[in-house]
Amino acid sequence: MAAPAHRDPPFHIVLVRPEIPQNSGSIGRLAAATGARLHLVGPLGFSLADRYLKRAGLDYWPYVDLRVYADWTEFDAIHQTEAAANFRYYSARARRTYLAADYRPGDFLVFGGETKGLGAEFLASRTDSTYRIPIFEPRVRSLNLANAVSIVLYEALRRADLLGDA
């Protein structure tokens, strides 16, 4: 299988401290299908050799434009100067919904790990660019990470007019 072509991705999916390999595997498959670049920011709760990660991503891993970072400090040092890009953060506790975001190609869509999210301290200085996906049943705390990324990514692709005739 061929590796992904070097080109600018339509969007960047950033997973900060992901914990469940099956979710990251499904998100890897989503990234391959849409041409998005997947950034995994550690520490990771699994090994990249994890069989569950590979199984969820099936045989699409060669098509995933994957970047891995030890932690947020390393990621931020590389990407803090992305002049044309916006960073959008997602949290179940944000005020505005993901539909209020202004998506542009090249944006970074940042999601936290499954059990702790991005954290209140991390989001404190980023509230103006933090969004949530509405949940209508109050007993449900959050959505599955892979589902949340799918919802946001396809809305971003739609709003940026990148779906074509799909």
N, C-alpha and C. Protein backbone atom coordinates (compact mmCIF):
# COMPACT_ATOMS: atom_id res chain seq x y z
N MET A 1 0.83 -1.19 0.00
CA MET A 1 0.00 0.00 0.00
C MET A 1 0.87 1.24 0.00
N ALA A 2 0.42 2.22 -0.70
CA ALA A 2 1.17 3.47 -0.81
C ALA A 2 0.98 4.34 0.42
N ALA A 3 2.02 5.05 0.79
CA ALA A 3 1.92 6.01 1.88
C ALA A 3 1.14 7.23 1.41
N PRO A 4 0.58 8.01 2.33
CA PRO A 4 -0.15 9.21 1.93
C PRO A 4 0.75 10.17 1.17
N ALA A 5 0.19 10.83 0.17
CA ALA A 5 0.94 11.83 -0.58
C ALA A 5 1.23 13.02 0.32
N HIS A 6 2.36 13.67 0.11
CA HIS A 6 2.68 14.86 0.89
C HIS A 6 1.92 16.04 0.30
N ARG A 7 0.97 16.51 1.04
CA ARG A 7 0.13 17.64 0.62
C ARG A 7 -0.43 18.25 1.88
N ASP A 8 -1.02 19.41 1.72
CA ASP A 8 -1.66 20.04 2.87
C ASP A 8 -2.96 19.32 3.16
N PRO A 9 -3.15 18.86 4.39
CA PRO A 9 -4.40 18.17 4.72
C PRO A 9 -5.55 19.16 4.83
N PRO A 10 -6.78 18.71 4.59
CA PRO A 10 -7.92 19.61 4.73
C PRO A 10 -8.09 20.08 6.18
N PHE A 11 -7.85 19.18 7.11
CA PHE A 11 -7.93 19.48 8.54
C PHE A 11 -6.93 18.62 9.28
N HIS A 12 -6.61 19.05 10.49
CA HIS A 12 -5.74 18.31 11.38
C HIS A 12 -6.58 17.81 12.55
N ILE A 13 -6.53 16.52 12.82
CA ILE A 13 -7.19 15.95 14.00
C ILE A 13 -6.10 15.76 15.05
N VAL A 14 -6.30 16.36 16.22
CA VAL A 14 -5.31 16.27 17.28
C VAL A 14 -5.94 15.56 18.47
N LEU A 15 -5.36 14.44 18.87
CA LEU A 15 -5.83 13.71 20.05
C LEU A 15 -4.78 13.89 21.14
N VAL A 16 -5.18 14.51 22.24
CA VAL A 16 -4.27 14.76 23.36
C VAL A 16 -4.51 13.71 24.43
N ARG A 17 -3.49 12.95 24.71
CA ARG A 17 -3.52 11.87 25.72
C ARG A 17 -4.65 10.85 25.47
N PRO A 18 -4.78 10.35 24.25
CA PRO A 18 -5.81 9.33 24.02
C PRO A 18 -5.48 8.07 24.81
N GLU A 19 -6.54 7.39 25.26
CA GLU A 19 -6.35 6.24 26.15
C GLU A 19 -6.78 4.91 25.56
N ILE A 20 -7.74 4.93 24.66
CA ILE A 20 -8.34 3.69 24.18
C ILE A 20 -7.90 3.44 22.74
N PRO A 21 -7.15 2.37 22.51
CA PRO A 21 -6.60 2.14 21.18
C PRO A 21 -7.66 1.98 20.09
N GLN A 22 -8.79 1.39 20.43
CA GLN A 22 -9.84 1.21 19.43
C GLN A 22 -10.35 2.55 18.91
N ASN A 23 -10.49 3.53 19.79
CA ASN A 23 -10.93 4.86 19.35
C ASN A 23 -9.90 5.49 18.42
N SER A 24 -8.64 5.45 18.82
CA SER A 24 -7.59 6.03 17.98
C SER A 24 -7.49 5.29 16.65
N GLY A 25 -7.71 3.99 16.66
CA GLY A 25 -7.71 3.22 15.41
C GLY A 25 -8.84 3.65 14.49
N SER A 26 -10.04 3.82 15.05
CA SER A 26 -11.18 4.27 14.24
C SER A 26 -10.94 5.68 13.72
N ILE A 27 -10.35 6.53 14.52
CA ILE A 27 -10.05 7.90 14.10
C ILE A 27 -8.96 7.88 13.03
N GLY A 28 -8.02 6.96 13.13
CA GLY A 28 -7.02 6.80 12.09
C GLY A 28 -7.66 6.44 10.76
N ARG A 29 -8.62 5.55 10.79
CA ARG A 29 -9.34 5.18 9.57
C ARG A 29 -10.11 6.38 9.02
N LEU A 30 -10.73 7.16 9.90
CA LEU A 30 -11.43 8.38 9.49
C LEU A 30 -10.46 9.36 8.83
N ALA A 31 -9.29 9.53 9.42
CA ALA A 31 -8.28 10.42 8.85
C ALA A 31 -7.86 9.95 7.47
N ALA A 32 -7.65 8.66 7.32
CA ALA A 32 -7.27 8.12 6.01
C ALA A 32 -8.37 8.37 4.98
N ALA A 33 -9.61 8.19 5.38
CA ALA A 33 -10.74 8.34 4.45
C ALA A 33 -10.96 9.78 4.02
N THR A 34 -10.58 10.73 4.86
CA THR A 34 -10.85 12.14 4.57
C THR A 34 -9.61 12.94 4.17
N GLY A 35 -8.44 12.33 4.28
CA GLY A 35 -7.21 13.05 3.98
C GLY A 35 -6.74 13.94 5.10
N ALA A 36 -7.38 13.84 6.27
CA ALA A 36 -6.96 14.65 7.42
C ALA A 36 -5.64 14.11 7.98
N ARG A 37 -4.87 14.98 8.59
CA ARG A 37 -3.64 14.56 9.27
C ARG A 37 -3.99 14.26 10.71
N LEU A 38 -3.52 13.13 11.23
CA LEU A 38 -3.78 12.72 12.60
C LEU A 38 -2.54 12.97 13.45
N HIS A 39 -2.71 13.76 14.51
CA HIS A 39 -1.64 14.05 15.46
C HIS A 39 -1.99 13.36 16.78
N LEU A 40 -1.13 12.49 17.26
CA LEU A 40 -1.32 11.85 18.56
C LEU A 40 -0.33 12.50 19.53
N VAL A 41 -0.87 13.15 20.55
CA VAL A 41 -0.06 13.86 21.53
C VAL A 41 -0.08 13.08 22.84
N GLY A 42 1.08 12.66 23.29
CA GLY A 42 1.19 11.81 24.47
C GLY A 42 1.12 12.56 25.78
N PRO A 43 1.23 11.78 26.83
CA PRO A 43 1.50 10.36 26.77
C PRO A 43 0.28 9.56 26.31
N LEU A 44 0.54 8.58 25.47
CA LEU A 44 -0.53 7.73 24.94
C LEU A 44 -0.85 6.64 25.96
N GLY A 45 -2.11 6.24 25.99
CA GLY A 45 -2.54 5.19 26.90
C GLY A 45 -2.40 3.80 26.28
N PHE A 46 -1.63 3.67 25.23
CA PHE A 46 -1.45 2.41 24.51
C PHE A 46 -0.19 2.52 23.67
N SER A 47 0.21 1.40 23.13
CA SER A 47 1.36 1.36 22.22
C SER A 47 0.85 1.48 20.80
N LEU A 48 1.63 2.11 19.93
CA LEU A 48 1.23 2.19 18.53
C LEU A 48 1.26 0.82 17.86
N ALA A 49 1.85 -0.15 18.52
CA ALA A 49 1.85 -1.52 18.00
C ALA A 49 0.64 -2.31 18.53
N ASP A 50 -0.19 -1.70 19.34
CA ASP A 50 -1.34 -2.35 19.96
C ASP A 50 -2.23 -3.01 18.91
N ARG A 51 -2.57 -4.26 19.13
CA ARG A 51 -3.39 -4.99 18.15
C ARG A 51 -4.79 -4.41 18.04
N TYR A 52 -5.32 -3.82 19.10
CA TYR A 52 -6.65 -3.23 19.04
C TYR A 52 -6.65 -1.96 18.19
N LEU A 53 -5.57 -1.19 18.30
CA LEU A 53 -5.40 0.00 17.47
C LEU A 53 -5.37 -0.42 16.01
N LYS A 54 -4.55 -1.39 15.70
CA LYS A 54 -4.41 -1.85 14.32
C LYS A 54 -5.71 -2.47 13.81
N ARG A 55 -6.39 -3.22 14.65
CA ARG A 55 -7.63 -3.87 14.22
C ARG A 55 -8.70 -2.83 13.91
N ALA A 56 -8.84 -1.81 14.74
CA ALA A 56 -9.85 -0.78 14.52
C ALA A 56 -9.55 0.02 13.26
N GLY A 57 -8.27 0.21 12.95
CA GLY A 57 -7.88 0.94 11.76
C GLY A 57 -7.80 0.06 10.52
N LEU A 58 -8.03 -1.23 10.73
CA LEU A 58 -7.93 -2.23 9.67
C LEU A 58 -6.61 -2.10 8.93
N ASP A 59 -6.66 -2.26 7.64
CA ASP A 59 -5.42 -2.20 6.86
C ASP A 59 -5.20 -0.82 6.25
N TYR A 60 -5.79 0.20 6.88
CA TYR A 60 -5.69 1.56 6.35
C TYR A 60 -4.52 2.36 6.93
N TRP A 61 -3.78 1.81 7.88
CA TRP A 61 -2.70 2.57 8.52
C TRP A 61 -1.67 3.11 7.53
N PRO A 62 -1.37 2.40 6.45
CA PRO A 62 -0.42 3.00 5.49
C PRO A 62 -0.94 4.29 4.85
N TYR A 63 -2.24 4.52 4.90
CA TYR A 63 -2.82 5.71 4.30
C TYR A 63 -3.01 6.86 5.30
N VAL A 64 -2.69 6.62 6.55
CA VAL A 64 -2.87 7.63 7.59
C VAL A 64 -1.64 8.54 7.62
N ASP A 65 -1.88 9.83 7.52
CA ASP A 65 -0.82 10.83 7.67
C ASP A 65 -0.70 11.08 9.17
N LEU A 66 0.17 10.34 9.82
CA LEU A 66 0.26 10.30 11.28
C LEU A 66 1.50 11.01 11.78
N ARG A 67 1.32 11.84 12.80
CA ARG A 67 2.42 12.49 13.51
C ARG A 67 2.23 12.18 14.99
N VAL A 68 3.32 11.87 15.68
CA VAL A 68 3.25 11.52 17.10
C VAL A 68 4.20 12.43 17.88
N TYR A 69 3.73 12.89 19.05
CA TYR A 69 4.47 13.82 19.89
C TYR A 69 4.49 13.27 21.31
N ALA A 70 5.57 13.49 22.02
CA ALA A 70 5.69 13.00 23.40
C ALA A 70 4.67 13.65 24.31
N ASP A 71 4.41 14.95 24.09
CA ASP A 71 3.49 15.68 24.97
C ASP A 71 3.05 16.97 24.28
N TRP A 72 2.19 17.75 24.97
CA TRP A 72 1.68 18.99 24.39
C TRP A 72 2.80 20.00 24.17
N THR A 73 3.78 20.01 25.03
CA THR A 73 4.89 20.96 24.88
C THR A 73 5.60 20.75 23.55
N GLU A 74 5.86 19.51 23.20
CA GLU A 74 6.50 19.21 21.92
C GLU A 74 5.59 19.60 20.75
N PHE A 75 4.32 19.23 20.83
CA PHE A 75 3.37 19.58 19.77
C PHE A 75 3.29 21.09 19.60
N ASP A 76 3.13 21.81 20.71
CA ASP A 76 2.98 23.26 20.68
C ASP A 76 4.22 23.95 20.12
N ALA A 77 5.39 23.45 20.47
CA ALA A 77 6.64 24.05 19.97
C ALA A 77 6.71 23.97 18.45
N ILE A 78 6.16 22.92 17.87
CA ILE A 78 6.19 22.73 16.42
C ILE A 78 5.08 23.52 15.73
N HIS A 79 3.90 23.58 16.34
CA HIS A 79 2.72 24.12 15.65
C HIS A 79 2.22 25.48 16.14
N GLN A 80 2.84 26.05 17.13
CA GLN A 80 2.34 27.33 17.66
C GLN A 80 2.43 28.46 16.66
N THR A 81 3.23 28.32 15.65
CA THR A 81 3.38 29.39 14.65
C THR A 81 2.60 29.11 13.38
N GLU A 82 1.65 28.20 13.41
CA GLU A 82 0.82 27.90 12.24
C GLU A 82 -0.04 29.13 11.97
N ALA A 83 0.49 30.08 11.24
CA ALA A 83 -0.14 31.39 11.06
C ALA A 83 -1.53 31.32 10.43
N ALA A 84 -1.72 30.49 9.44
CA ALA A 84 -2.99 30.47 8.72
C ALA A 84 -4.04 29.61 9.40
N ALA A 85 -3.64 28.82 10.37
CA ALA A 85 -4.56 27.86 10.97
C ALA A 85 -5.19 28.38 12.25
N ASN A 86 -6.36 27.89 12.50
CA ASN A 86 -7.03 28.13 13.78
C ASN A 86 -7.01 26.83 14.56
N PHE A 87 -6.98 26.96 15.85
CA PHE A 87 -7.08 25.80 16.73
C PHE A 87 -8.47 25.82 17.33
N ARG A 88 -9.19 24.72 17.19
CA ARG A 88 -10.52 24.54 17.77
C ARG A 88 -10.41 23.41 18.79
N TYR A 89 -10.91 23.66 19.98
CA TYR A 89 -10.83 22.69 21.07
C TYR A 89 -12.25 22.21 21.38
N TYR A 90 -12.36 20.95 21.79
CA TYR A 90 -13.68 20.36 22.02
C TYR A 90 -13.75 19.78 23.42
N SER A 91 -14.83 20.16 24.11
CA SER A 91 -15.05 19.73 25.49
C SER A 91 -16.54 19.62 25.73
N ALA A 92 -16.95 18.62 26.47
CA ALA A 92 -18.37 18.46 26.81
C ALA A 92 -18.86 19.61 27.66
N ARG A 93 -17.97 20.40 28.26
CA ARG A 93 -18.36 21.49 29.15
C ARG A 93 -18.23 22.88 28.53
N ALA A 94 -18.01 22.96 27.23
CA ALA A 94 -17.90 24.27 26.57
C ALA A 94 -19.27 24.94 26.48
N ARG A 95 -19.27 26.26 26.33
CA ARG A 95 -20.52 27.02 26.23
C ARG A 95 -21.16 26.90 24.85
N ARG A 96 -20.36 27.07 23.80
CA ARG A 96 -20.90 27.09 22.44
C ARG A 96 -20.79 25.73 21.77
N THR A 97 -21.71 25.47 20.84
CA THR A 97 -21.66 24.19 20.14
C THR A 97 -20.71 24.26 18.95
N TYR A 98 -20.32 23.10 18.48
CA TYR A 98 -19.41 22.99 17.34
C TYR A 98 -19.99 23.66 16.09
N LEU A 99 -21.27 23.87 16.05
CA LEU A 99 -21.90 24.53 14.90
C LEU A 99 -21.60 26.03 14.88
N ALA A 100 -21.15 26.59 16.00
CA ALA A 100 -20.82 28.01 16.07
C ALA A 100 -19.41 28.30 15.58
N ALA A 101 -18.61 27.27 15.37
CA ALA A 101 -17.22 27.47 14.93
C ALA A 101 -17.18 27.88 13.47
N ASP A 102 -16.17 28.66 13.14
CA ASP A 102 -15.92 29.08 11.77
C ASP A 102 -14.77 28.22 11.24
N TYR A 103 -15.09 27.16 10.53
CA TYR A 103 -14.07 26.21 10.07
C TYR A 103 -13.43 26.67 8.77
N ARG A 104 -12.10 26.53 8.71
CA ARG A 104 -11.35 26.83 7.49
C ARG A 104 -10.37 25.68 7.24
N PRO A 105 -10.11 25.38 5.98
CA PRO A 105 -9.12 24.33 5.68
C PRO A 105 -7.82 24.60 6.41
N GLY A 106 -7.24 23.56 6.94
CA GLY A 106 -5.99 23.67 7.68
C GLY A 106 -6.15 23.82 9.17
N ASP A 107 -7.40 23.99 9.64
CA ASP A 107 -7.63 24.13 11.08
C ASP A 107 -7.21 22.87 11.83
N PHE A 108 -6.86 23.07 13.09
CA PHE A 108 -6.53 21.98 14.00
C PHE A 108 -7.73 21.75 14.90
N LEU A 109 -8.26 20.54 14.89
CA LEU A 109 -9.42 20.15 15.70
C LEU A 109 -8.87 19.31 16.85
N VAL A 110 -8.90 19.85 18.06
CA VAL A 110 -8.19 19.28 19.21
C VAL A 110 -9.17 18.65 20.19
N PHE A 111 -8.94 17.37 20.49
CA PHE A 111 -9.79 16.59 21.39
C PHE A 111 -8.93 15.99 22.49
N GLY A 112 -9.49 15.88 23.69
CA GLY A 112 -8.78 15.27 24.81
C GLY A 112 -9.04 13.79 24.92
N GLY A 113 -8.37 13.17 25.88
CA GLY A 113 -8.52 11.74 26.12
C GLY A 113 -9.91 11.38 26.61
N GLU A 114 -10.20 10.11 26.55
CA GLU A 114 -11.55 9.62 26.82
C GLU A 114 -12.06 9.87 28.23
N THR A 115 -11.22 9.77 29.24
CA THR A 115 -11.73 9.91 30.61
C THR A 115 -11.54 11.30 31.20
N LYS A 116 -10.55 12.04 30.75
CA LYS A 116 -10.27 13.35 31.36
C LYS A 116 -10.46 14.52 30.41
N GLY A 117 -10.68 14.27 29.15
CA GLY A 117 -10.81 15.36 28.19
C GLY A 117 -9.54 16.19 28.14
N LEU A 118 -9.68 17.45 27.82
CA LEU A 118 -8.53 18.36 27.76
C LEU A 118 -8.22 18.98 29.11
N GLY A 119 -9.19 19.03 29.98
CA GLY A 119 -8.98 19.56 31.32
C GLY A 119 -9.28 21.04 31.43
N ALA A 120 -9.86 21.43 32.55
CA ALA A 120 -10.27 22.81 32.79
C ALA A 120 -9.09 23.78 32.75
N GLU A 121 -7.97 23.39 33.32
CA GLU A 121 -6.79 24.28 33.33
C GLU A 121 -6.29 24.53 31.91
N PHE A 122 -6.22 23.49 31.10
CA PHE A 122 -5.77 23.63 29.71
C PHE A 122 -6.71 24.54 28.93
N LEU A 123 -8.01 24.39 29.15
CA LEU A 123 -9.01 25.15 28.38
C LEU A 123 -9.24 26.56 28.89
N ALA A 124 -8.78 26.87 30.10
CA ALA A 124 -9.07 28.17 30.71
C ALA A 124 -8.70 29.35 29.82
N SER A 125 -7.59 29.29 29.13
CA SER A 125 -7.17 30.40 28.27
C SER A 125 -7.64 30.21 26.82
N ARG A 126 -8.45 29.18 26.59
CA ARG A 126 -8.88 28.87 25.23
C ARG A 126 -10.40 28.84 25.09
N THR A 127 -11.12 29.45 26.02
CA THR A 127 -12.59 29.34 26.01
C THR A 127 -13.23 29.92 24.75
N ASP A 128 -12.60 30.94 24.16
CA ASP A 128 -13.17 31.54 22.95
C ASP A 128 -13.10 30.63 21.74
N SER A 129 -12.29 29.59 21.81
CA SER A 129 -12.18 28.66 20.69
C SER A 129 -12.47 27.22 21.13
N THR A 130 -13.32 27.09 22.15
CA THR A 130 -13.70 25.77 22.66
C THR A 130 -15.18 25.53 22.41
N TYR A 131 -15.50 24.34 21.95
CA TYR A 131 -16.86 24.01 21.52
C TYR A 131 -17.26 22.65 22.07
N ARG A 132 -18.57 22.42 22.07
CA ARG A 132 -19.11 21.14 22.53
C ARG A 132 -20.08 20.59 21.50
N ILE A 133 -20.33 19.31 21.60
CA ILE A 133 -21.38 18.67 20.82
C ILE A 133 -22.56 18.50 21.78
N PRO A 134 -23.73 19.00 21.42
CA PRO A 134 -24.86 18.91 22.36
C PRO A 134 -25.21 17.46 22.71
N ILE A 135 -25.50 17.28 23.98
CA ILE A 135 -25.99 15.99 24.49
C ILE A 135 -27.30 16.29 25.19
N PHE A 136 -28.34 15.64 24.78
CA PHE A 136 -29.69 15.97 25.25
C PHE A 136 -30.12 15.18 26.48
N GLU A 137 -29.47 14.09 26.77
CA GLU A 137 -29.78 13.30 27.96
C GLU A 137 -28.78 13.66 29.05
N PRO A 138 -29.22 14.31 30.13
CA PRO A 138 -28.29 14.81 31.16
C PRO A 138 -27.49 13.72 31.87
N ARG A 139 -27.94 12.48 31.83
CA ARG A 139 -27.20 11.41 32.48
C ARG A 139 -26.03 10.91 31.63
N VAL A 140 -25.95 11.36 30.38
CA VAL A 140 -24.84 10.99 29.50
C VAL A 140 -23.81 12.12 29.57
N ARG A 141 -22.62 11.80 30.06
CA ARG A 141 -21.58 12.82 30.27
C ARG A 141 -20.89 13.25 28.99
N SER A 142 -20.69 12.32 28.08
CA SER A 142 -19.94 12.65 26.87
C SER A 142 -20.21 11.61 25.80
N LEU A 143 -19.77 11.92 24.59
CA LEU A 143 -19.86 10.98 23.49
C LEU A 143 -18.56 10.19 23.38
N ASN A 144 -18.61 9.09 22.67
CA ASN A 144 -17.42 8.33 22.36
C ASN A 144 -16.48 9.24 21.54
N LEU A 145 -15.20 9.19 21.82
CA LEU A 145 -14.23 10.07 21.17
C LEU A 145 -14.25 9.92 19.65
N ALA A 146 -14.28 8.71 19.15
CA ALA A 146 -14.29 8.51 17.69
C ALA A 146 -15.55 9.10 17.07
N ASN A 147 -16.68 8.96 17.75
CA ASN A 147 -17.92 9.56 17.24
C ASN A 147 -17.84 11.08 17.24
N ALA A 148 -17.31 11.65 18.32
CA ALA A 148 -17.20 13.11 18.42
C ALA A 148 -16.31 13.66 17.31
N VAL A 149 -15.18 13.02 17.08
CA VAL A 149 -14.27 13.48 16.02
C VAL A 149 -14.96 13.39 14.66
N SER A 150 -15.70 12.32 14.43
CA SER A 150 -16.41 12.16 13.15
C SER A 150 -17.43 13.27 12.93
N ILE A 151 -18.20 13.56 13.96
CA ILE A 151 -19.23 14.61 13.85
C ILE A 151 -18.59 15.94 13.49
N VAL A 152 -17.55 16.32 14.23
CA VAL A 152 -16.91 17.61 14.02
C VAL A 152 -16.18 17.67 12.68
N LEU A 153 -15.45 16.63 12.35
CA LEU A 153 -14.67 16.65 11.10
C LEU A 153 -15.58 16.77 9.88
N TYR A 154 -16.66 16.01 9.84
CA TYR A 154 -17.53 16.10 8.66
C TYR A 154 -18.27 17.43 8.60
N GLU A 155 -18.59 18.02 9.74
CA GLU A 155 -19.17 19.36 9.72
C GLU A 155 -18.14 20.37 9.21
N ALA A 156 -16.90 20.23 9.66
CA ALA A 156 -15.85 21.14 9.19
C ALA A 156 -15.64 20.98 7.68
N LEU A 157 -15.62 19.77 7.19
CA LEU A 157 -15.48 19.53 5.74
C LEU A 157 -16.65 20.13 4.98
N ARG A 158 -17.85 19.98 5.52
CA ARG A 158 -19.04 20.53 4.86
C ARG A 158 -18.97 22.06 4.82
N ARG A 159 -18.65 22.66 5.96
CA ARG A 159 -18.63 24.13 6.03
C ARG A 159 -17.52 24.72 5.19
N ALA A 160 -16.42 23.99 5.02
CA ALA A 160 -15.31 24.47 4.19
C ALA A 160 -15.52 24.11 2.73
N ASP A 161 -16.69 23.54 2.43
CA ASP A 161 -17.06 23.17 1.07
C ASP A 161 -16.05 22.20 0.46
N LEU A 162 -15.64 21.21 1.25
CA LEU A 162 -14.66 20.23 0.81
C LEU A 162 -15.25 18.84 0.59
N LEU A 163 -16.57 18.72 0.63
CA LEU A 163 -17.18 17.42 0.42
C LEU A 163 -17.47 17.14 -1.06
N GLY A 164 -17.39 18.14 -1.87
CA GLY A 164 -17.67 17.95 -3.30
C GLY A 164 -19.10 17.49 -3.50
N ASP A 165 -19.26 16.51 -4.35
CA ASP A 165 -20.58 15.98 -4.65
C ASP A 165 -20.96 14.82 -3.75
N ALA A 166 -20.20 14.61 -2.71
CA ALA A 166 -20.46 13.47 -1.82
C ALA A 166 -21.83 13.53 -1.20
